Amino acid sequence: MPSKPRKPAKLDKNKRVRAIARERVGAPKPAFAIPEKAKRAKPKHKKPVTADHEDR
């Protein structure tokens, strides 16, 4: 049995207006800066203790 054809998506006027506005003005500026990944990411696993670190 053949499957039913998909219904076309409803036209969302608000989305269309926002898309046109974004084209004209550009993307909105971020509210805050995202820090670099190296600064914000914590290691999942601690590094194993080696011989040179034991005497400290």
Protein backbone atom coordinates (compact mmCIF):
# COMPACT_ATOMS: atom_id res chain seq x y z
CA MET A 1 0.00 0.00 0.00
CA PRO A 2 1.55 3.35 -0.98
CA SER A 3 2.11 5.86 1.79
CA LYS A 4 0.15 9.10 1.93
CA PRO A 5 1.89 12.14 0.48
CA ARG A 6 3.02 14.69 3.06
CA LYS A 7 0.96 17.79 3.66
CA PRO A 8 2.76 20.99 2.71
CA ALA A 9 3.90 22.96 5.77
CA LYS A 10 1.69 25.86 6.80
CA LEU A 11 3.10 29.26 5.98
CA ASP A 12 4.15 31.02 9.18
CA LYS A 13 3.88 34.77 8.58
CA ASN A 14 5.81 35.71 11.74
CA LYS A 15 8.78 33.54 10.76
CA ARG A 16 8.79 35.01 7.26
CA VAL A 17 8.71 38.61 8.57
CA ARG A 18 11.55 37.90 11.02
CA ALA A 19 13.64 36.31 8.27
CA ILE A 20 13.19 39.37 6.05
CA ALA A 21 14.10 41.68 8.96
CA ARG A 22 17.25 39.65 9.68
CA GLU A 23 18.30 39.97 6.04
CA ARG A 24 17.94 43.74 6.22
CA VAL A 25 19.45 44.43 9.64
CA GLY A 26 21.74 41.43 10.14
CA ALA A 27 21.98 38.90 12.93
CA PRO A 28 21.31 40.22 16.45
CA LYS A 29 24.36 40.85 18.63
CA PRO A 30 24.92 38.34 21.45
CA ALA A 31 23.86 39.38 24.94
CA PHE A 32 27.18 38.16 26.42
CA ALA A 33 30.48 36.81 25.15
CA ILE A 34 31.03 33.05 25.27
CA PRO A 35 34.44 32.25 26.85
CA GLU A 36 36.96 30.15 24.95
CA LYS A 37 36.45 26.42 25.28
CA ALA A 38 39.87 25.91 26.92
CA LYS A 39 38.89 28.26 29.75
CA ARG A 40 35.39 26.91 30.39
CA ALA A 41 35.92 23.16 29.81
CA LYS A 42 36.96 21.09 32.78
CA PRO A 43 38.73 17.74 32.22
CA LYS A 44 36.53 14.67 32.51
CA HIS A 45 39.28 12.60 34.09
CA LYS A 46 42.09 13.71 36.37
CA LYS A 47 45.58 13.11 35.05
CA PRO A 48 47.36 10.20 36.76
CA VAL A 49 49.99 11.07 39.35
CA THR A 50 53.51 10.58 38.02
CA ALA A 51 56.82 10.08 39.86
CA ASP A 52 58.03 13.66 39.45
CA HIS A 53 54.89 15.05 41.14
CA GLU A 54 55.07 12.83 44.26
CA ASP A 55 58.00 14.65 45.91
CA ARG A 56 56.20 18.04 45.94
